[in-house]
Amino acid sequence: MELNYYEIGQRIRRYRKACGLSQEQLSEKVAISPTHMSHIETGSTKLSLPVFIKIADVLSIQTDSLLSDSPRVNRTNLGSEITNLLDSCSVKDMYIMLDTIKTLKTSLEKHNRQ
């Protein structure tokens, strides 16, 4: 399996932003320079396994989620990921997300019946 470091970097960026962290904040928590974090996110450099694991730990996600867009996630891990994302939201944001999820679920059910 060939690793696509650009895609891994983009996933790190997406999860970092979802957690409300800047590159500088994440790099500080992972104990690397902001420049190195920038290079990781753009795929300009390969990241070491210890740094990769630290990033996943700080972002509270499974490493599989960074390696592939279709990670092997069980319901418990998925629930934990959703909870982590919701923890960073205001109550108003959570109501908006709930409405969005309900609408999406209704649409999925409608299209799956067709």
PDB file of N, CA and C in Angstrom:
ATOM      1  N   MET A   1       0.847  -1.187   0.000  1.00  0.00           N
ATOM      2  CA  MET A   1       0.000   0.000   0.000  1.00  0.00           C
ATOM      3  C   MET A   1       0.889   1.246   0.000  1.00  0.00           C
ATOM      4  N   GLU A   2       0.726   2.041  -1.008  1.00  0.00           N
ATOM      5  CA  GLU A   2       1.459   3.296  -1.133  1.00  0.00           C
ATOM      6  C   GLU A   2       0.746   4.380  -0.324  1.00  0.00           C
ATOM      7  N   LEU A   3       1.479   5.058   0.536  1.00  0.00           N
ATOM      8  CA  LEU A   3       0.879   6.128   1.345  1.00  0.00           C
ATOM      9  C   LEU A   3       0.877   7.431   0.560  1.00  0.00           C
ATOM     10  N   ASN A   4      -0.244   8.107   0.569  1.00  0.00           N
ATOM     11  CA  ASN A   4      -0.367   9.407  -0.070  1.00  0.00           C
ATOM     12  C   ASN A   4      -0.275  10.463   1.034  1.00  0.00           C
ATOM     13  N   TYR A   5       0.917  11.029   1.206  1.00  0.00           N
ATOM     14  CA  TYR A   5       1.158  11.959   2.304  1.00  0.00           C
ATOM     15  C   TYR A   5       0.370  13.255   2.157  1.00  0.00           C
ATOM     16  N   TYR A   6       0.076  13.635   0.938  1.00  0.00           N
ATOM     17  CA  TYR A   6      -0.755  14.830   0.743  1.00  0.00           C
ATOM     18  C   TYR A   6      -2.145  14.585   1.314  1.00  0.00           C
ATOM     19  N   GLU A   7      -2.738  13.430   0.980  1.00  0.00           N
ATOM     20  CA  GLU A   7      -4.084  13.095   1.478  1.00  0.00           C
ATOM     21  C   GLU A   7      -4.088  12.957   2.998  1.00  0.00           C
ATOM     22  N   ILE A   8      -3.059  12.336   3.552  1.00  0.00           N
ATOM     23  CA  ILE A   8      -2.953  12.221   5.011  1.00  0.00           C
ATOM     24  C   ILE A   8      -2.891  13.615   5.625  1.00  0.00           C
ATOM     25  N   GLY A   9      -2.100  14.487   5.043  1.00  0.00           N
ATOM     26  CA  GLY A   9      -1.981  15.860   5.537  1.00  0.00           C
ATOM     27  C   GLY A   9      -3.291  16.614   5.472  1.00  0.00           C
ATOM     28  N   GLN A  10      -4.042  16.397   4.397  1.00  0.00           N
ATOM     29  CA  GLN A  10      -5.332  17.068   4.258  1.00  0.00           C
ATOM     30  C   GLN A  10      -6.341  16.552   5.291  1.00  0.00           C
ATOM     31  N   ARG A  11      -6.270  15.253   5.595  1.00  0.00           N
ATOM     32  CA  ARG A  11      -7.148  14.712   6.634  1.00  0.00           C
ATOM     33  C   ARG A  11      -6.780  15.281   8.002  1.00  0.00           C
ATOM     34  N   ILE A  12      -5.476  15.387   8.269  1.00  0.00           N
ATOM     35  CA  ILE A  12      -5.022  15.997   9.527  1.00  0.00           C
ATOM     36  C   ILE A  12      -5.554  17.418   9.613  1.00  0.00           C
ATOM     37  N   ARG A  13      -5.438  18.158   8.535  1.00  0.00           N
ATOM     38  CA  ARG A  13      -5.922  19.545   8.501  1.00  0.00           C
ATOM     39  C   ARG A  13      -7.422  19.607   8.787  1.00  0.00           C
ATOM     40  N   ARG A  14      -8.194  18.719   8.145  1.00  0.00           N
ATOM     41  CA  ARG A  14      -9.642  18.705   8.322  1.00  0.00           C
ATOM     42  C   ARG A  14     -10.020  18.414   9.782  1.00  0.00           C
ATOM     43  N   TYR A  15      -9.384  17.412  10.391  1.00  0.00           N
ATOM     44  CA  TYR A  15      -9.669  17.078  11.790  1.00  0.00           C
ATOM     45  C   TYR A  15      -9.178  18.173  12.729  1.00  0.00           C
ATOM     46  N   ARG A  16      -8.034  18.777  12.412  1.00  0.00           N
ATOM     47  CA  ARG A  16      -7.496  19.867  13.244  1.00  0.00           C
ATOM     48  C   ARG A  16      -8.488  21.017  13.286  1.00  0.00           C
ATOM     49  N   LYS A  17      -8.992  21.384  12.112  1.00  0.00           N
ATOM     50  CA  LYS A  17      -9.959  22.483  12.038  1.00  0.00           C
ATOM     51  C   LYS A  17     -11.257  22.124  12.756  1.00  0.00           C
ATOM     52  N   ALA A  18     -11.694  20.879  12.630  1.00  0.00           N
ATOM     53  CA  ALA A  18     -12.914  20.437  13.315  1.00  0.00           C
ATOM     54  C   ALA A  18     -12.750  20.519  14.828  1.00  0.00           C
ATOM     55  N   CYS A  19     -11.524  20.381  15.293  1.00  0.00           N
ATOM     56  CA  CYS A  19     -11.250  20.496  16.733  1.00  0.00           C
ATOM     57  C   CYS A  19     -11.008  21.946  17.154  1.00  0.00           C
ATOM     58  N   GLY A  20     -11.030  22.858  16.188  1.00  0.00           N
ATOM     59  CA  GLY A  20     -10.835  24.270  16.504  1.00  0.00           C
ATOM     60  C   GLY A  20      -9.405  24.628  16.857  1.00  0.00           C
ATOM     61  N   LEU A  21      -8.452  23.880  16.320  1.00  0.00           N
ATOM     62  CA  LEU A  21      -7.042  24.133  16.608  1.00  0.00           C
ATOM     63  C   LEU A  21      -6.347  24.781  15.414  1.00  0.00           C
ATOM     64  N   SER A  22      -5.438  25.685  15.706  1.00  0.00           N
ATOM     65  CA  SER A  22      -4.589  26.238  14.653  1.00  0.00           C
ATOM     66  C   SER A  22      -3.425  25.271  14.431  1.00  0.00           C
ATOM     67  N   GLN A  23      -2.689  25.464  13.334  1.00  0.00           N
ATOM     68  CA  GLN A  23      -1.501  24.640  13.100  1.00  0.00           C
ATOM     69  C   GLN A  23      -0.520  24.809  14.252  1.00  0.00           C
ATOM     70  N   GLU A  24      -0.372  26.029  14.717  1.00  0.00           N
ATOM     71  CA  GLU A  24       0.564  26.306  15.807  1.00  0.00           C
ATOM     72  C   GLU A  24       0.150  25.579  17.092  1.00  0.00           C
ATOM     73  N   GLN A  25      -1.138  25.598  17.403  1.00  0.00           N
ATOM     74  CA  GLN A  25      -1.618  24.913  18.610  1.00  0.00           C
ATOM     75  C   GLN A  25      -1.403  23.407  18.524  1.00  0.00           C
ATOM     76  N   LEU A  26      -1.719  22.820  17.361  1.00  0.00           N
ATOM     77  CA  LEU A  26      -1.516  21.388  17.201  1.00  0.00           C
ATOM     78  C   LEU A  26      -0.035  21.045  17.250  1.00  0.00           C
ATOM     79  N   SER A  27       0.778  21.829  16.583  1.00  0.00           N
ATOM     80  CA  SER A  27       2.217  21.544  16.580  1.00  0.00           C
ATOM     81  C   SER A  27       2.792  21.610  17.989  1.00  0.00           C
ATOM     82  N   GLU A  28       2.300  22.550  18.784  1.00  0.00           N
ATOM     83  CA  GLU A  28       2.762  22.667  20.169  1.00  0.00           C
ATOM     84  C   GLU A  28       2.384  21.424  20.974  1.00  0.00           C
ATOM     85  N   LYS A  29       1.164  20.950  20.808  1.00  0.00           N
ATOM     86  CA  LYS A  29       0.692  19.769  21.538  1.00  0.00           C
ATOM     87  C   LYS A  29       1.431  18.501  21.098  1.00  0.00           C
ATOM     88  N   VAL A  30       1.874  18.484  19.846  1.00  0.00           N
ATOM     89  CA  VAL A  30       2.568  17.315  19.305  1.00  0.00           C
ATOM     90  C   VAL A  30       4.085  17.427  19.506  1.00  0.00           C
ATOM     91  N   ALA A  31       4.541  18.608  19.898  1.00  0.00           N
ATOM     92  CA  ALA A  31       5.962  18.885  20.152  1.00  0.00           C
ATOM     93  C   ALA A  31       6.793  18.873  18.866  1.00  0.00           C
ATOM     94  N   ILE A  32       6.252  19.533  17.830  1.00  0.00           N
ATOM     95  CA  ILE A  32       7.006  19.761  16.596  1.00  0.00           C
ATOM     96  C   ILE A  32       6.865  21.235  16.243  1.00  0.00           C
ATOM     97  N   SER A  33       7.646  21.696  15.297  1.00  0.00           N
ATOM     98  CA  SER A  33       7.581  23.111  14.915  1.00  0.00           C
ATOM     99  C   SER A  33       6.344  23.369  14.051  1.00  0.00           C
ATOM    100  N   PRO A  34       5.838  24.606  14.098  1.00  0.00           N
ATOM    101  CA  PRO A  34       4.715  24.954  13.222  1.00  0.00           C
ATOM    102  C   PRO A  34       5.039  24.753  11.742  1.00  0.00           C
ATOM    103  N   THR A  35       6.287  25.001  11.368  1.00  0.00           N
ATOM    104  CA  THR A  35       6.710  24.803   9.976  1.00  0.00           C
ATOM    105  C   THR A  35       6.608  23.335   9.590  1.00  0.00           C
ATOM    106  N   HIS A  36       7.060  22.464  10.498  1.00  0.00           N
ATOM    107  CA  HIS A  36       6.965  21.021  10.225  1.00  0.00           C
ATOM    108  C   HIS A  36       5.504  20.601  10.089  1.00  0.00           C
ATOM    109  N   MET A  37       4.629  21.147  10.954  1.00  0.00           N
ATOM    110  CA  MET A  37       3.201  20.825  10.869  1.00  0.00           C
ATOM    111  C   MET A  37       2.634  21.276   9.528  1.00  0.00           C
ATOM    112  N   SER A  38       3.026  22.455   9.084  1.00  0.00           N
ATOM    113  CA  SER A  38       2.578  22.965   7.789  1.00  0.00           C
ATOM    114  C   SER A  38       3.022  22.026   6.667  1.00  0.00           C
ATOM    115  N   HIS A  39       4.259  21.575   6.734  1.00  0.00           N
ATOM    116  CA  HIS A  39       4.780  20.671   5.701  1.00  0.00           C
ATOM    117  C   HIS A  39       4.063  19.326   5.728  1.00  0.00           C
ATOM    118  N   ILE A  40       3.675  18.861   6.913  1.00  0.00           N
ATOM    119  CA  ILE A  40       2.916  17.614   7.021  1.00  0.00           C
ATOM    120  C   ILE A  40       1.559  17.778   6.345  1.00  0.00           C
ATOM    121  N   GLU A  41       0.878  18.887   6.642  1.00  0.00           N
ATOM    122  CA  GLU A  41      -0.464  19.105   6.090  1.00  0.00           C
ATOM    123  C   GLU A  41      -0.455  19.291   4.574  1.00  0.00           C
ATOM    124  N   THR A  42       0.624  19.809   4.027  1.00  0.00           N
ATOM    125  CA  THR A  42       0.695  19.995   2.578  1.00  0.00           C
ATOM    126  C   THR A  42       1.313  18.791   1.874  1.00  0.00           C
ATOM    127  N   GLY A  43       1.736  17.795   2.648  1.00  0.00           N
ATOM    128  CA  GLY A  43       2.353  16.605   2.071  1.00  0.00           C
ATOM    129  C   GLY A  43       3.761  16.831   1.578  1.00  0.00           C
ATOM    130  N   SER A  44       4.367  17.947   1.996  1.00  0.00           N
ATOM    131  CA  SER A  44       5.725  18.276   1.556  1.00  0.00           C
ATOM    132  C   SER A  44       6.779  17.438   2.264  1.00  0.00           C
ATOM    133  N   THR A  45       6.399  16.808   3.353  1.00  0.00           N
ATOM    134  CA  THR A  45       7.326  15.975   4.108  1.00  0.00           C
ATOM    135  C   THR A  45       6.594  14.751   4.627  1.00  0.00           C
ATOM    136  N   LYS A  46       7.349  13.692   4.828  1.00  0.00           N
ATOM    137  CA  LYS A  46       6.777  12.486   5.423  1.00  0.00           C
ATOM    138  C   LYS A  46       6.844  12.654   6.938  1.00  0.00           C
ATOM    139  N   LEU A  47       5.815  12.181   7.633  1.00  0.00           N
ATOM    140  CA  LEU A  47       5.841  12.278   9.076  1.00  0.00           C
ATOM    141  C   LEU A  47       6.218  10.936   9.678  1.00  0.00           C
ATOM    142  N   SER A  48       6.907  11.007  10.807  1.00  0.00           N
ATOM    143  CA  SER A  48       7.341   9.784  11.478  1.00  0.00           C
ATOM    144  C   SER A  48       6.154   9.128  12.166  1.00  0.00           C
ATOM    145  N   LEU A  49       6.294   7.860  12.451  1.00  0.00           N
ATOM    146  CA  LEU A  49       5.230   7.124  13.123  1.00  0.00           C
ATOM    147  C   LEU A  49       4.919   7.718  14.505  1.00  0.00           C
ATOM    148  N   PRO A  50       5.927   8.069  15.329  1.00  0.00           N
ATOM    149  CA  PRO A  50       5.600   8.684  16.624  1.00  0.00           C
ATOM    150  C   PRO A  50       4.812   9.994  16.482  1.00  0.00           C
ATOM    151  N   VAL A  51       5.159  10.829  15.514  1.00  0.00           N
ATOM    152  CA  VAL A  51       4.440  12.087  15.289  1.00  0.00           C
ATOM    153  C   VAL A  51       3.029  11.787  14.796  1.00  0.00           C
ATOM    154  N   PHE A  52       2.905  10.830  13.903  1.00  0.00           N
ATOM    155  CA  PHE A  52       1.599  10.430  13.375  1.00  0.00           C
ATOM    156  C   PHE A  52       0.672  10.001  14.519  1.00  0.00           C
ATOM    157  N   ILE A  53       1.180   9.174  15.420  1.00  0.00           N
ATOM    158  CA  ILE A  53       0.385   8.684  16.545  1.00  0.00           C
ATOM    159  C   ILE A  53       0.036   9.820  17.505  1.00  0.00           C
ATOM    160  N   LYS A  54       0.991  10.728  17.762  1.00  0.00           N
ATOM    161  CA  LYS A  54       0.724  11.871  18.643  1.00  0.00           C
ATOM    162  C   LYS A  54      -0.377  12.755  18.057  1.00  0.00           C
ATOM    163  N   ILE A  55      -0.330  12.987  16.748  1.00  0.00           N
ATOM    164  CA  ILE A  55      -1.350  13.815  16.095  1.00  0.00           C
ATOM    165  C   ILE A  55      -2.727  13.168  16.272  1.00  0.00           C
ATOM    166  N   ALA A  56      -2.821  11.871  16.011  1.00  0.00           N
ATOM    167  CA  ALA A  56      -4.096  11.173  16.168  1.00  0.00           C
ATOM    168  C   ALA A  56      -4.580  11.254  17.616  1.00  0.00           C
ATOM    169  N   ASP A  57      -3.674  11.092  18.574  1.00  0.00           N
ATOM    170  CA  ASP A  57      -4.047  11.178  19.990  1.00  0.00           C
ATOM    171  C   ASP A  57      -4.566  12.560  20.346  1.00  0.00           C
ATOM    172  N   VAL A  58      -3.862  13.606  19.919  1.00  0.00           N
ATOM    173  CA  VAL A  58      -4.272  14.977  20.228  1.00  0.00           C
ATOM    174  C   VAL A  58      -5.628  15.280  19.603  1.00  0.00           C
ATOM    175  N   LEU A  59      -5.865  14.778  18.401  1.00  0.00           N
ATOM    176  CA  LEU A  59      -7.126  15.026  17.709  1.00  0.00           C
ATOM    177  C   LEU A  59      -8.229  14.051  18.149  1.00  0.00           C
ATOM    178  N   SER A  60      -7.867  13.113  19.023  1.00  0.00           N
ATOM    179  CA  SER A  60      -8.811  12.106  19.549  1.00  0.00           C
ATOM    180  C   SER A  60      -9.493  11.320  18.440  1.00  0.00           C
ATOM    181  N   ILE A  61      -8.680  10.858  17.486  1.00  0.00           N
ATOM    182  CA  ILE A  61      -9.220  10.059  16.389  1.00  0.00           C
ATOM    183  C   ILE A  61      -8.374   8.808  16.207  1.00  0.00           C
ATOM    184  N   GLN A  62      -8.937   7.836  15.531  1.00  0.00           N
ATOM    185  CA  GLN A  62      -8.226   6.615  15.202  1.00  0.00           C
ATOM    186  C   GLN A  62      -7.231   6.902  14.074  1.00  0.00           C
ATOM    187  N   THR A  63      -6.079   6.258  14.103  1.00  0.00           N
ATOM    188  CA  THR A  63      -5.091   6.466  13.045  1.00  0.00           C
ATOM    189  C   THR A  63      -5.653   6.082  11.673  1.00  0.00           C
ATOM    190  N   ASP A  64      -6.550   5.091  11.637  1.00  0.00           N
ATOM    191  CA  ASP A  64      -7.181   4.695  10.368  1.00  0.00           C
ATOM    192  C   ASP A  64      -7.880   5.871   9.700  1.00  0.00           C
ATOM    193  N   SER A  65      -8.428   6.767  10.517  1.00  0.00           N
ATOM    194  CA  SER A  65      -9.152   7.924   9.975  1.00  0.00           C
ATOM    195  C   SER A  65      -8.223   8.859   9.214  1.00  0.00           C
ATOM    196  N   LEU A  66      -6.942   8.842   9.562  1.00  0.00           N
ATOM    197  CA  LEU A  66      -5.973   9.686   8.867  1.00  0.00           C
ATOM    198  C   LEU A  66      -5.396   9.008   7.629  1.00  0.00           C
ATOM    199  N   LEU A  67      -5.422   7.688   7.617  1.00  0.00           N
ATOM    200  CA  LEU A  67      -4.831   6.948   6.507  1.00  0.00           C
ATOM    201  C   LEU A  67      -5.753   6.814   5.305  1.00  0.00           C
ATOM    202  N   SER A  68      -7.057   6.834   5.567  1.00  0.00           N
ATOM    203  CA  SER A  68      -7.996   6.561   4.483  1.00  0.00           C
ATOM    204  C   SER A  68      -9.289   7.325   4.699  1.00  0.00           C
ATOM    205  N   ASP A  69      -9.942   7.677   3.596  1.00  0.00           N
ATOM    206  CA  ASP A  69     -11.241   8.331   3.689  1.00  0.00           C
ATOM    207  C   ASP A  69     -12.335   7.360   4.112  1.00  0.00           C
ATOM    208  N   SER A  70     -12.074   6.082   3.971  1.00  0.00           N
ATOM    209  CA  SER A  70     -13.070   5.087   4.377  1.00  0.00           C
ATOM    210  C   SER A  70     -12.461   4.191   5.454  1.00  0.00           C
ATOM    211  N   PRO A  71     -12.249   4.778   6.644  1.00  0.00           N
ATOM    212  CA  PRO A  71     -11.632   3.996   7.719  1.00  0.00           C
ATOM    213  C   PRO A  71     -12.552   2.895   8.222  1.00  0.00           C
ATOM    214  N   ARG A  72     -11.914   1.877   8.785  1.00  0.00           N
ATOM    215  CA  ARG A  72     -12.681   0.814   9.423  1.00  0.00           C
ATOM    216  C   ARG A  72     -12.998   1.278  10.834  1.00  0.00           C
ATOM    217  N   VAL A  73     -14.191   1.810  11.004  1.00  0.00           N
ATOM    218  CA  VAL A  73     -14.598   2.378  12.280  1.00  0.00           C
ATOM    219  C   VAL A  73     -15.774   1.579  12.819  1.00  0.00           C
ATOM    220  N   ASN A  74     -15.683   1.183  14.082  1.00  0.00           N
ATOM    221  CA  ASN A  74     -16.851   0.536  14.663  1.00  0.00           C
ATOM    222  C   ASN A  74     -17.736   1.602  15.295  1.00  0.00           C
ATOM    223  N   ARG A  75     -18.929   1.221  15.681  1.00  0.00           N
ATOM    224  CA  ARG A  75     -19.912   2.186  16.193  1.00  0.00           C
ATOM    225  C   ARG A  75     -19.400   2.916  17.426  1.00  0.00           C
ATOM    226  N   THR A  76     -18.664   2.226  18.290  1.00  0.00           N
ATOM    227  CA  THR A  76     -18.149   2.862  19.502  1.00  0.00           C
ATOM    228  C   THR A  76     -17.156   3.955  19.150  1.00  0.00           C
ATOM    229  N   ASN A  77     -16.227   3.658  18.243  1.00  0.00           N
ATOM    230  CA  ASN A  77     -15.243   4.658  17.831  1.00  0.00           C
ATOM    231  C   ASN A  77     -15.914   5.831  17.125  1.00  0.00           C
ATOM    232  N   LEU A  78     -16.888   5.519  16.296  1.00  0.00           N
ATOM    233  CA  LEU A  78     -17.609   6.565  15.582  1.00  0.00           C
ATOM    234  C   LEU A  78     -18.346   7.469  16.571  1.00  0.00           C
ATOM    235  N   GLY A  79     -18.991   6.857  17.554  1.00  0.00           N
ATOM    236  CA  GLY A  79     -19.683   7.627  18.589  1.00  0.00           C
ATOM    237  C   GLY A  79     -18.729   8.532  19.358  1.00  0.00           C
ATOM    238  N   SER A  80     -17.546   8.028  19.657  1.00  0.00           N
ATOM    239  CA  SER A  80     -16.535   8.828  20.366  1.00  0.00           C
ATOM    240  C   SER A  80     -16.083  10.013  19.520  1.00  0.00           C
ATOM    241  N   GLU A  81     -15.910   9.768  18.229  1.00  0.00           N
ATOM    242  CA  GLU A  81     -15.497  10.845  17.334  1.00  0.00           C
ATOM    243  C   GLU A  81     -16.561  11.933  17.260  1.00  0.00           C
ATOM    244  N   ILE A  82     -17.813  11.516  17.160  1.00  0.00           N
ATOM    245  CA  ILE A  82     -18.915  12.482  17.111  1.00  0.00           C
ATOM    246  C   ILE A  82     -18.979  13.269  18.416  1.00  0.00           C
ATOM    247  N   THR A  83     -18.842  12.583  19.533  1.00  0.00           N
ATOM    248  CA  THR A  83     -18.861  13.248  20.841  1.00  0.00           C
ATOM    249  C   THR A  83     -17.741  14.271  20.942  1.00  0.00           C
ATOM    250  N   ASN A  84     -16.548  13.916  20.483  1.00  0.00           N
ATOM    251  CA  ASN A  84     -15.418  14.854  20.525  1.00  0.00           C
ATOM    252  C   ASN A  84     -15.697  16.102  19.691  1.00  0.00           C
ATOM    253  N   LEU A  85     -16.315  15.922  18.537  1.00  0.00           N
ATOM    254  CA  LEU A  85     -16.649  17.077  17.704  1.00  0.00           C
ATOM    255  C   LEU A  85     -17.709  17.944  18.372  1.00  0.00           C
ATOM    256  N   LEU A  86     -18.710  17.306  18.964  1.00  0.00           N
ATOM    257  CA  LEU A  86     -19.788  18.057  19.606  1.00  0.00           C
ATOM    258  C   LEU A  86     -19.314  18.811  20.842  1.00  0.00           C
ATOM    259  N   ASP A  87     -18.317  18.273  21.519  1.00  0.00           N
ATOM    260  CA  ASP A  87     -17.792  18.933  22.721  1.00  0.00           C
ATOM    261  C   ASP A  87     -17.264  20.333  22.428  1.00  0.00           C
ATOM    262  N   SER A  88     -16.859  20.563  21.196  1.00  0.00           N
ATOM    263  CA  SER A  88     -16.304  21.875  20.851  1.00  0.00           C
ATOM    264  C   SER A  88     -17.375  22.832  20.308  1.00  0.00           C
ATOM    265  N   CYS A  89     -18.647  22.406  20.344  1.00  0.00           N
ATOM    266  CA  CYS A  89     -19.736  23.221  19.789  1.00  0.00           C
ATOM    267  C   CYS A  89     -20.546  23.904  20.890  1.00  0.00           C
ATOM    268  N   SER A  90     -21.124  25.028  20.511  1.00  0.00           N
ATOM    269  CA  SER A  90     -22.064  25.688  21.417  1.00  0.00           C
ATOM    270  C   SER A  90     -23.396  24.944  21.358  1.00  0.00           C
ATOM    271  N   VAL A  91     -24.271  25.211  22.313  1.00  0.00           N
ATOM    272  CA  VAL A  91     -25.590  24.585  22.326  1.00  0.00           C
ATOM    273  C   VAL A  91     -26.346  24.945  21.046  1.00  0.00           C
ATOM    274  N   LYS A  92     -26.253  26.202  20.642  1.00  0.00           N
ATOM    275  CA  LYS A  92     -26.921  26.638  19.405  1.00  0.00           C
ATOM    276  C   LYS A  92     -26.399  25.830  18.210  1.00  0.00           C
ATOM    277  N   ASP A  93     -25.081  25.658  18.130  1.00  0.00           N
ATOM    278  CA  ASP A  93     -24.487  24.874  17.041  1.00  0.00           C
ATOM    279  C   ASP A  93     -25.020  23.443  17.053  1.00  0.00           C
ATOM    280  N   MET A  94     -25.159  22.860  18.236  1.00  0.00           N
ATOM    281  CA  MET A  94     -25.637  21.477  18.329  1.00  0.00           C
ATOM    282  C   MET A  94     -27.082  21.355  17.842  1.00  0.00           C
ATOM    283  N   TYR A  95     -27.919  22.352  18.141  1.00  0.00           N
ATOM    284  CA  TYR A  95     -29.298  22.313  17.632  1.00  0.00           C
ATOM    285  C   TYR A  95     -29.322  22.416  16.115  1.00  0.00           C
ATOM    286  N   ILE A  96     -28.458  23.243  15.563  1.00  0.00           N
ATOM    287  CA  ILE A  96     -28.371  23.368  14.100  1.00  0.00           C
ATOM    288  C   ILE A  96     -27.923  22.039  13.495  1.00  0.00           C
ATOM    289  N   MET A  97     -26.923  21.412  14.106  1.00  0.00           N
ATOM    290  CA  MET A  97     -26.449  20.119  13.612  1.00  0.00           C
ATOM    291  C   MET A  97     -27.526  19.052  13.735  1.00  0.00           C
ATOM    292  N   LEU A  98     -28.268  19.068  14.822  1.00  0.00           N
ATOM    293  CA  LEU A  98     -29.342  18.100  15.001  1.00  0.00           C
ATOM    294  C   LEU A  98     -30.391  18.248  13.907  1.00  0.00           C
ATOM    295  N   ASP A  99     -30.793  19.477  13.624  1.00  0.00           N
ATOM    296  CA  ASP A  99     -31.751  19.716  12.540  1.00  0.00           C
ATOM    297  C   ASP A  99     -31.198  19.233  11.204  1.00  0.00           C
ATOM    298  N   THR A 100     -29.928  19.494  10.970  1.00  0.00           N
ATOM    299  CA  THR A 100     -29.280  19.079   9.726  1.00  0.00           C
ATOM    300  C   THR A 100     -29.255  17.555   9.610  1.00  0.00           C
ATOM    301  N   ILE A 101     -28.912  16.890  10.699  1.00  0.00           N
ATOM    302  CA  ILE A 101     -28.844  15.426  10.696  1.00  0.00           C
ATOM    303  C   ILE A 101     -30.230  14.829  10.464  1.00  0.00           C
ATOM    304  N   LYS A 102     -31.251  15.389  11.102  1.00  0.00           N
ATOM    305  CA  LYS A 102     -32.615  14.888  10.897  1.00  0.00           C
ATOM    306  C   LYS A 102     -33.036  15.030   9.439  1.00  0.00           C
ATOM    307  N   THR A 103     -32.725  16.177   8.849  1.00  0.00           N
ATOM    308  CA  THR A 103     -33.065  16.416   7.442  1.00  0.00           C
ATOM    309  C   THR A 103     -32.309  15.448   6.540  1.00  0.00           C
ATOM    310  N   LEU A 104     -31.045  15.260   6.810  1.00  0.00           N
ATOM    311  CA  LEU A 104     -30.233  14.340   6.029  1.00  0.00           C
ATOM    312  C   LEU A 104     -30.757  12.908   6.142  1.00  0.00           C
ATOM    313  N   LYS A 105     -31.106  12.483   7.345  1.00  0.00           N
ATOM    314  CA  LYS A 105     -31.635  11.136   7.564  1.00  0.00           C
ATOM    315  C   LYS A 105     -32.928  10.931   6.768  1.00  0.00           C
ATOM    316  N   THR A 106     -33.805  11.910   6.802  1.00  0.00           N
ATOM    317  CA  THR A 106     -35.056  11.835   6.043  1.00  0.00           C
ATOM    318  C   THR A 106     -34.767  11.717   4.548  1.00  0.00           C
ATOM    319  N   SER A 107     -33.833  12.506   4.056  1.00  0.00           N
ATOM    320  CA  SER A 107     -33.474  12.457   2.642  1.00  0.00           C
ATOM    321  C   SER A 107     -32.867  11.110   2.262  1.00  0.00           C
ATOM    322  N   LEU A 108     -31.998  10.584   3.121  1.00  0.00           N
ATOM    323  CA  LEU A 108     -31.398   9.267   2.849  1.00  0.00           C
ATOM    324  C   LEU A 108     -32.466   8.194   2.777  1.00  0.00           C
ATOM    325  N   GLU A 109     -33.382   8.217   3.738  1.00  0.00           N
ATOM    326  CA  GLU A 109     -34.463   7.220   3.728  1.00  0.00           C
ATOM    327  C   GLU A 109     -35.299   7.334   2.470  1.00  0.00           C
ATOM    328  N   LYS A 110     -35.597   8.557   2.047  1.00  0.00           N
ATOM    329  CA  LYS A 110     -36.396   8.782   0.833  1.00  0.00           C
ATOM    330  C   LYS A 110     -35.683   8.210  -0.392  1.00  0.00           C
ATOM    331  N   HIS A 111     -34.394   8.494  -0.528  1.00  0.00           N
ATOM    332  CA  HIS A 111     -33.652   8.069  -1.716  1.00  0.00           C
ATOM    333  C   HIS A 111     -33.319   6.575  -1.683  1.00  0.00           C
ATOM    334  N   ASN A 112     -33.210   6.002  -0.499  1.00  0.00           N
ATOM    335  CA  ASN A 112     -32.950   4.566  -0.398  1.00  0.00           C
ATOM    336  C   ASN A 112     -34.173   3.733  -0.748  1.00  0.00           C
ATOM    337  N   ARG A 113     -35.363   4.332  -0.635  1.00  0.00           N
ATOM    338  CA  ARG A 113     -36.603   3.628  -0.988  1.00  0.00           C
ATOM    339  C   ARG A 113     -36.819   3.589  -2.488  1.00  0.00           C
ATOM    340  N   GLN A 114     -36.192   4.485  -3.205  1.00  0.00           N
ATOM    341  CA  GLN A 114     -36.416   4.586  -4.659  1.00  0.00           C
ATOM    342  C   GLN A 114     -35.687   3.494  -5.416  1.00  0.00           C
TER     343      GLN A 114
END
